[in-house]
N, C-alpha and C. Protein backbone atom coordinates (compact mmCIF):
# COMPACT_ATOMS: atom_id res chain seq x y z
N ASP A 1 8.02 40.46 -17.98
CA ASP A 1 7.66 39.21 -17.33
C ASP A 1 7.64 39.39 -15.81
N ARG A 2 8.63 40.10 -15.31
CA ARG A 2 8.71 40.29 -13.85
C ARG A 2 7.51 41.08 -13.35
N THR A 3 7.10 42.09 -14.07
CA THR A 3 5.93 42.86 -13.67
C THR A 3 4.71 41.97 -13.56
N LEU A 4 4.52 41.10 -14.53
CA LEU A 4 3.37 40.20 -14.50
C LEU A 4 3.50 39.14 -13.40
N GLU A 5 4.73 38.79 -13.03
CA GLU A 5 4.91 37.89 -11.89
C GLU A 5 4.43 38.57 -10.61
N LEU A 6 4.76 39.84 -10.47
CA LEU A 6 4.41 40.59 -9.26
C LEU A 6 2.95 41.05 -9.27
N ALA A 7 2.44 41.37 -10.44
CA ALA A 7 1.07 41.89 -10.56
C ALA A 7 0.41 41.28 -11.79
N PRO A 8 -0.07 40.03 -11.67
CA PRO A 8 -0.60 39.33 -12.85
C PRO A 8 -1.86 39.95 -13.45
N ASP A 9 -2.51 40.83 -12.74
CA ASP A 9 -3.71 41.48 -13.26
C ASP A 9 -3.49 42.95 -13.61
N PHE A 10 -2.25 43.34 -13.85
CA PHE A 10 -1.92 44.71 -14.23
C PHE A 10 -2.16 44.86 -15.73
N SER A 11 -3.27 45.50 -16.09
CA SER A 11 -3.70 45.54 -17.49
C SER A 11 -2.68 46.22 -18.40
N ASP A 12 -1.96 47.22 -17.91
CA ASP A 12 -0.94 47.86 -18.75
C ASP A 12 0.16 46.88 -19.14
N ALA A 13 0.60 46.07 -18.18
CA ALA A 13 1.66 45.09 -18.46
C ALA A 13 1.15 44.00 -19.39
N LEU A 14 -0.08 43.56 -19.17
CA LEU A 14 -0.67 42.54 -20.05
C LEU A 14 -0.77 43.06 -21.48
N ALA A 15 -1.25 44.29 -21.62
CA ALA A 15 -1.40 44.89 -22.95
C ALA A 15 -0.04 45.09 -23.62
N GLY A 16 0.93 45.56 -22.85
CA GLY A 16 2.25 45.79 -23.41
C GLY A 16 2.93 44.52 -23.88
N LYS A 17 2.87 43.48 -23.04
CA LYS A 17 3.49 42.21 -23.44
C LYS A 17 2.72 41.59 -24.60
N GLY A 18 1.40 41.70 -24.58
CA GLY A 18 0.60 41.16 -25.68
C GLY A 18 0.96 41.81 -27.00
N ALA A 19 1.05 43.13 -27.00
CA ALA A 19 1.42 43.85 -28.22
C ALA A 19 2.83 43.48 -28.68
N LEU A 20 3.74 43.35 -27.73
CA LEU A 20 5.11 42.96 -28.07
C LEU A 20 5.14 41.60 -28.74
N LEU A 21 4.44 40.63 -28.16
CA LEU A 21 4.43 39.28 -28.72
C LEU A 21 3.79 39.24 -30.11
N LEU A 22 2.80 40.10 -30.33
CA LEU A 22 2.16 40.15 -31.64
C LEU A 22 3.07 40.76 -32.70
N ASN A 23 3.88 41.72 -32.30
CA ASN A 23 4.69 42.45 -33.26
C ASN A 23 6.08 41.88 -33.50
N LEU A 24 6.54 41.03 -32.59
CA LEU A 24 7.85 40.41 -32.77
C LEU A 24 7.76 39.25 -33.76
N PRO A 25 8.74 39.11 -34.62
CA PRO A 25 8.76 37.91 -35.46
C PRO A 25 8.92 36.67 -34.58
N ARG A 26 8.38 35.57 -35.03
CA ARG A 26 8.44 34.32 -34.26
C ARG A 26 9.89 33.95 -33.93
N LEU A 27 10.78 34.19 -34.86
CA LEU A 27 12.20 33.88 -34.69
C LEU A 27 12.79 34.62 -33.47
N LEU A 28 12.25 35.78 -33.16
CA LEU A 28 12.75 36.59 -32.04
C LEU A 28 11.89 36.43 -30.78
N GLY A 29 11.00 35.46 -30.78
CA GLY A 29 10.18 35.21 -29.59
C GLY A 29 8.74 35.63 -29.72
N GLY A 30 8.33 36.10 -30.88
CA GLY A 30 6.94 36.49 -31.07
C GLY A 30 6.01 35.29 -30.98
N ASP A 31 4.82 35.55 -30.51
CA ASP A 31 3.83 34.48 -30.34
C ASP A 31 2.45 35.11 -30.45
N ALA A 32 1.86 35.04 -31.64
CA ALA A 32 0.58 35.71 -31.89
C ALA A 32 -0.54 35.19 -30.99
N ALA A 33 -0.59 33.88 -30.78
CA ALA A 33 -1.67 33.32 -29.95
C ALA A 33 -1.56 33.80 -28.51
N GLU A 34 -0.35 33.81 -27.96
CA GLU A 34 -0.17 34.27 -26.59
C GLU A 34 -0.38 35.78 -26.51
N GLY A 35 0.05 36.51 -27.51
CA GLY A 35 -0.18 37.95 -27.54
C GLY A 35 -1.67 38.27 -27.52
N GLU A 36 -2.43 37.56 -28.33
CA GLU A 36 -3.88 37.76 -28.36
C GLU A 36 -4.51 37.40 -27.02
N ARG A 37 -4.04 36.32 -26.41
CA ARG A 37 -4.57 35.91 -25.10
C ARG A 37 -4.33 37.00 -24.05
N LEU A 38 -3.13 37.58 -24.06
CA LEU A 38 -2.81 38.63 -23.09
C LEU A 38 -3.65 39.88 -23.32
N LEU A 39 -3.88 40.24 -24.58
CA LEU A 39 -4.74 41.39 -24.87
C LEU A 39 -6.16 41.14 -24.36
N ARG A 40 -6.66 39.95 -24.59
CA ARG A 40 -8.00 39.61 -24.12
C ARG A 40 -8.07 39.65 -22.59
N ARG A 41 -7.01 39.21 -21.93
CA ARG A 41 -6.98 39.26 -20.46
C ARG A 41 -6.98 40.71 -19.97
N ALA A 42 -6.22 41.57 -20.64
CA ALA A 42 -6.22 42.99 -20.27
C ALA A 42 -7.62 43.58 -20.41
N LEU A 43 -8.34 43.16 -21.43
CA LEU A 43 -9.70 43.66 -21.65
C LEU A 43 -10.70 43.07 -20.66
N GLU A 44 -10.44 41.88 -20.16
CA GLU A 44 -11.29 41.33 -19.10
C GLU A 44 -11.18 42.20 -17.85
N ILE A 45 -9.99 42.71 -17.60
CA ILE A 45 -9.74 43.53 -16.42
C ILE A 45 -10.28 44.95 -16.62
N ASP A 46 -10.08 45.50 -17.81
CA ASP A 46 -10.53 46.87 -18.11
C ASP A 46 -11.12 46.89 -19.52
N ALA A 47 -12.41 46.69 -19.61
CA ALA A 47 -13.09 46.60 -20.91
C ALA A 47 -13.03 47.89 -21.72
N ASP A 48 -12.78 49.01 -21.07
CA ASP A 48 -12.71 50.30 -21.77
C ASP A 48 -11.31 50.69 -22.19
N TYR A 49 -10.33 49.81 -22.02
CA TYR A 49 -8.94 50.10 -22.34
C TYR A 49 -8.76 50.00 -23.86
N LEU A 50 -8.62 51.14 -24.49
CA LEU A 50 -8.64 51.21 -25.96
C LEU A 50 -7.38 50.66 -26.63
N THR A 51 -6.23 50.84 -26.04
CA THR A 51 -5.00 50.38 -26.67
C THR A 51 -5.02 48.88 -26.96
N PRO A 52 -5.31 48.02 -25.97
CA PRO A 52 -5.35 46.60 -26.31
C PRO A 52 -6.54 46.22 -27.19
N ARG A 53 -7.63 46.96 -27.11
CA ARG A 53 -8.77 46.63 -27.97
C ARG A 53 -8.40 46.89 -29.43
N LEU A 54 -7.75 47.99 -29.70
CA LEU A 54 -7.34 48.29 -31.08
C LEU A 54 -6.25 47.32 -31.55
N ALA A 55 -5.35 46.93 -30.65
CA ALA A 55 -4.33 45.94 -31.01
C ALA A 55 -4.99 44.59 -31.30
N LEU A 56 -6.04 44.26 -30.55
CA LEU A 56 -6.77 43.02 -30.79
C LEU A 56 -7.44 43.04 -32.16
N VAL A 57 -7.95 44.19 -32.56
CA VAL A 57 -8.55 44.32 -33.90
C VAL A 57 -7.51 43.94 -34.95
N ASP A 58 -6.32 44.48 -34.82
CA ASP A 58 -5.25 44.18 -35.79
C ASP A 58 -4.88 42.70 -35.77
N ALA A 59 -4.80 42.12 -34.57
CA ALA A 59 -4.44 40.70 -34.45
C ALA A 59 -5.50 39.82 -35.09
N LEU A 60 -6.75 40.14 -34.85
CA LEU A 60 -7.85 39.35 -35.42
C LEU A 60 -7.85 39.44 -36.94
N ARG A 61 -7.65 40.64 -37.44
CA ARG A 61 -7.61 40.83 -38.89
C ARG A 61 -6.44 40.04 -39.49
N ALA A 62 -5.30 40.07 -38.82
CA ALA A 62 -4.11 39.38 -39.33
C ALA A 62 -4.34 37.87 -39.42
N ARG A 63 -5.11 37.32 -38.52
CA ARG A 63 -5.34 35.87 -38.58
C ARG A 63 -6.62 35.51 -39.33
N GLY A 64 -7.26 36.52 -39.94
CA GLY A 64 -8.39 36.25 -40.81
C GLY A 64 -9.75 36.22 -40.13
N ALA A 65 -9.82 36.62 -38.87
CA ALA A 65 -11.09 36.64 -38.13
C ALA A 65 -11.75 38.00 -38.33
N ARG A 66 -12.17 38.27 -39.55
CA ARG A 66 -12.67 39.60 -39.92
C ARG A 66 -13.96 39.99 -39.21
N ASP A 67 -14.88 39.05 -39.04
CA ASP A 67 -16.14 39.37 -38.36
C ASP A 67 -15.89 39.79 -36.92
N GLU A 68 -15.04 39.04 -36.23
CA GLU A 68 -14.72 39.38 -34.85
C GLU A 68 -13.94 40.69 -34.79
N ALA A 69 -13.05 40.90 -35.76
CA ALA A 69 -12.30 42.16 -35.81
C ALA A 69 -13.25 43.35 -35.99
N ARG A 70 -14.24 43.20 -36.87
CA ARG A 70 -15.23 44.28 -37.06
C ARG A 70 -15.99 44.55 -35.76
N MET A 71 -16.38 43.49 -35.07
CA MET A 71 -17.11 43.64 -33.81
C MET A 71 -16.25 44.39 -32.78
N GLU A 72 -14.98 44.03 -32.67
CA GLU A 72 -14.09 44.69 -31.72
C GLU A 72 -13.83 46.14 -32.14
N ALA A 73 -13.71 46.39 -33.43
CA ALA A 73 -13.51 47.77 -33.90
C ALA A 73 -14.73 48.62 -33.59
N ALA A 74 -15.92 48.06 -33.75
CA ALA A 74 -17.14 48.80 -33.42
C ALA A 74 -17.19 49.09 -31.92
N ARG A 75 -16.79 48.13 -31.10
CA ARG A 75 -16.73 48.36 -29.65
C ARG A 75 -15.74 49.47 -29.33
N ALA A 76 -14.58 49.41 -29.98
CA ALA A 76 -13.55 50.43 -29.75
C ALA A 76 -14.08 51.80 -30.12
N LEU A 77 -14.78 51.90 -31.23
CA LEU A 77 -15.33 53.18 -31.65
C LEU A 77 -16.33 53.71 -30.63
N ALA A 78 -17.22 52.86 -30.15
CA ALA A 78 -18.21 53.29 -29.17
C ALA A 78 -17.53 53.76 -27.88
N ILE A 79 -16.53 53.03 -27.43
CA ILE A 79 -15.80 53.42 -26.21
C ILE A 79 -15.06 54.73 -26.43
N ALA A 80 -14.38 54.85 -27.57
CA ALA A 80 -13.61 56.07 -27.86
C ALA A 80 -14.52 57.29 -27.94
N GLU A 81 -15.68 57.14 -28.55
CA GLU A 81 -16.60 58.27 -28.64
C GLU A 81 -17.13 58.64 -27.26
N ARG A 82 -17.44 57.63 -26.45
CA ARG A 82 -17.94 57.90 -25.09
C ARG A 82 -16.87 58.59 -24.25
N LYS A 83 -15.60 58.20 -24.43
CA LYS A 83 -14.51 58.78 -23.66
C LYS A 83 -13.98 60.09 -24.26
N GLY A 84 -14.43 60.42 -25.46
CA GLY A 84 -13.95 61.63 -26.12
C GLY A 84 -12.53 61.50 -26.64
N SER A 85 -12.13 60.30 -27.01
CA SER A 85 -10.78 60.05 -27.52
C SER A 85 -10.80 60.09 -29.04
N ASP A 86 -10.52 61.27 -29.59
CA ASP A 86 -10.57 61.45 -31.04
C ASP A 86 -9.58 60.55 -31.78
N GLU A 87 -8.38 60.41 -31.23
CA GLU A 87 -7.35 59.61 -31.90
C GLU A 87 -7.77 58.13 -31.98
N SER A 88 -8.28 57.59 -30.88
CA SER A 88 -8.73 56.20 -30.88
C SER A 88 -9.97 56.01 -31.74
N ALA A 89 -10.87 57.00 -31.72
CA ALA A 89 -12.06 56.91 -32.56
C ALA A 89 -11.66 56.89 -34.03
N SER A 90 -10.69 57.70 -34.39
CA SER A 90 -10.20 57.73 -35.76
C SER A 90 -9.58 56.39 -36.15
N ALA A 91 -8.79 55.81 -35.25
CA ALA A 91 -8.18 54.50 -35.52
C ALA A 91 -9.25 53.42 -35.68
N ALA A 92 -10.28 53.47 -34.86
CA ALA A 92 -11.36 52.49 -34.95
C ALA A 92 -12.13 52.66 -36.27
N ARG A 93 -12.40 53.90 -36.65
CA ARG A 93 -13.10 54.16 -37.92
C ARG A 93 -12.28 53.65 -39.10
N GLU A 94 -10.98 53.89 -39.04
CA GLU A 94 -10.09 53.43 -40.11
C GLU A 94 -10.11 51.91 -40.20
N ALA A 95 -10.06 51.25 -39.04
CA ALA A 95 -10.11 49.78 -39.02
C ALA A 95 -11.42 49.28 -39.60
N LEU A 96 -12.52 49.91 -39.22
CA LEU A 96 -13.82 49.51 -39.77
C LEU A 96 -13.88 49.70 -41.27
N ALA A 97 -13.31 50.79 -41.77
CA ALA A 97 -13.30 51.04 -43.20
C ALA A 97 -12.49 49.96 -43.93
N VAL A 98 -11.33 49.63 -43.39
CA VAL A 98 -10.50 48.60 -44.01
C VAL A 98 -11.19 47.25 -43.95
N LEU A 99 -11.76 46.92 -42.80
CA LEU A 99 -12.43 45.64 -42.65
C LEU A 99 -13.68 45.55 -43.52
N GLY A 100 -14.32 46.67 -43.75
CA GLY A 100 -15.48 46.68 -44.63
C GLY A 100 -15.12 46.39 -46.05
N HIS A 101 -13.87 46.68 -46.42
CA HIS A 101 -13.41 46.44 -47.78
C HIS A 101 -12.71 45.11 -47.95
N ASP A 102 -12.39 44.44 -46.84
CA ASP A 102 -11.76 43.12 -46.93
C ASP A 102 -12.77 42.13 -47.47
N SER A 103 -12.42 41.48 -48.51
CA SER A 103 -13.32 40.49 -49.08
C SER A 103 -12.94 39.08 -48.66
N GLY A 104 -11.77 38.96 -48.03
CA GLY A 104 -11.29 37.63 -47.67
C GLY A 104 -10.46 37.02 -48.80
N ALA A 105 -10.46 37.64 -49.94
CA ALA A 105 -9.69 37.14 -51.07
C ALA A 105 -8.28 37.66 -51.00
N PRO A 106 -7.31 36.90 -51.45
CA PRO A 106 -5.91 37.36 -51.42
C PRO A 106 -5.67 38.50 -52.39
């Protein structure tokens, strides 16, 4: 929080806090909506930042926004391939494969 007070546009801090809020249980202070907002803000600052983009894919999928998750995963894959990031490209491909198989049914 202090980092964001001092540097509100520091994409690493935005991404880190966003991921933390997404992964913490609500009982311990987790807040999926705020986490997603922070990830989106990090991406506004640095659209090629793969860590928050892949975290956003997971957040979107978790709340059932599969079409948007697929779109973000495709963006992540294109960025990862352009940057030569094999690990991120693999994560994006895996997300696309999972999202392609999601039917929306429980």
